[in-house]
């Protein structure tokens, strides 16, 4: 149940992907298969580089940033 819930959540946040899940138990009665279809064919734009968040900047990073400019 946790795996299906996880796949359902992943399918919600990635509508451009298709997920197929198939479980085969030890006997033929325990076979489960589900498909989360794509809901769009449009891919999102790639992420852009962002500046560092002030809380994640330490002295070494400041030195490297100063040297690279």
Foldseek 3Di string as FASTA:
>chain_A
DVVVVVVVVVCVVCLCDKDKDWDDDPDNVPIDIDIRHRPDNDDDDDDDDDDDDVVPDDPVNVVVVVVVD
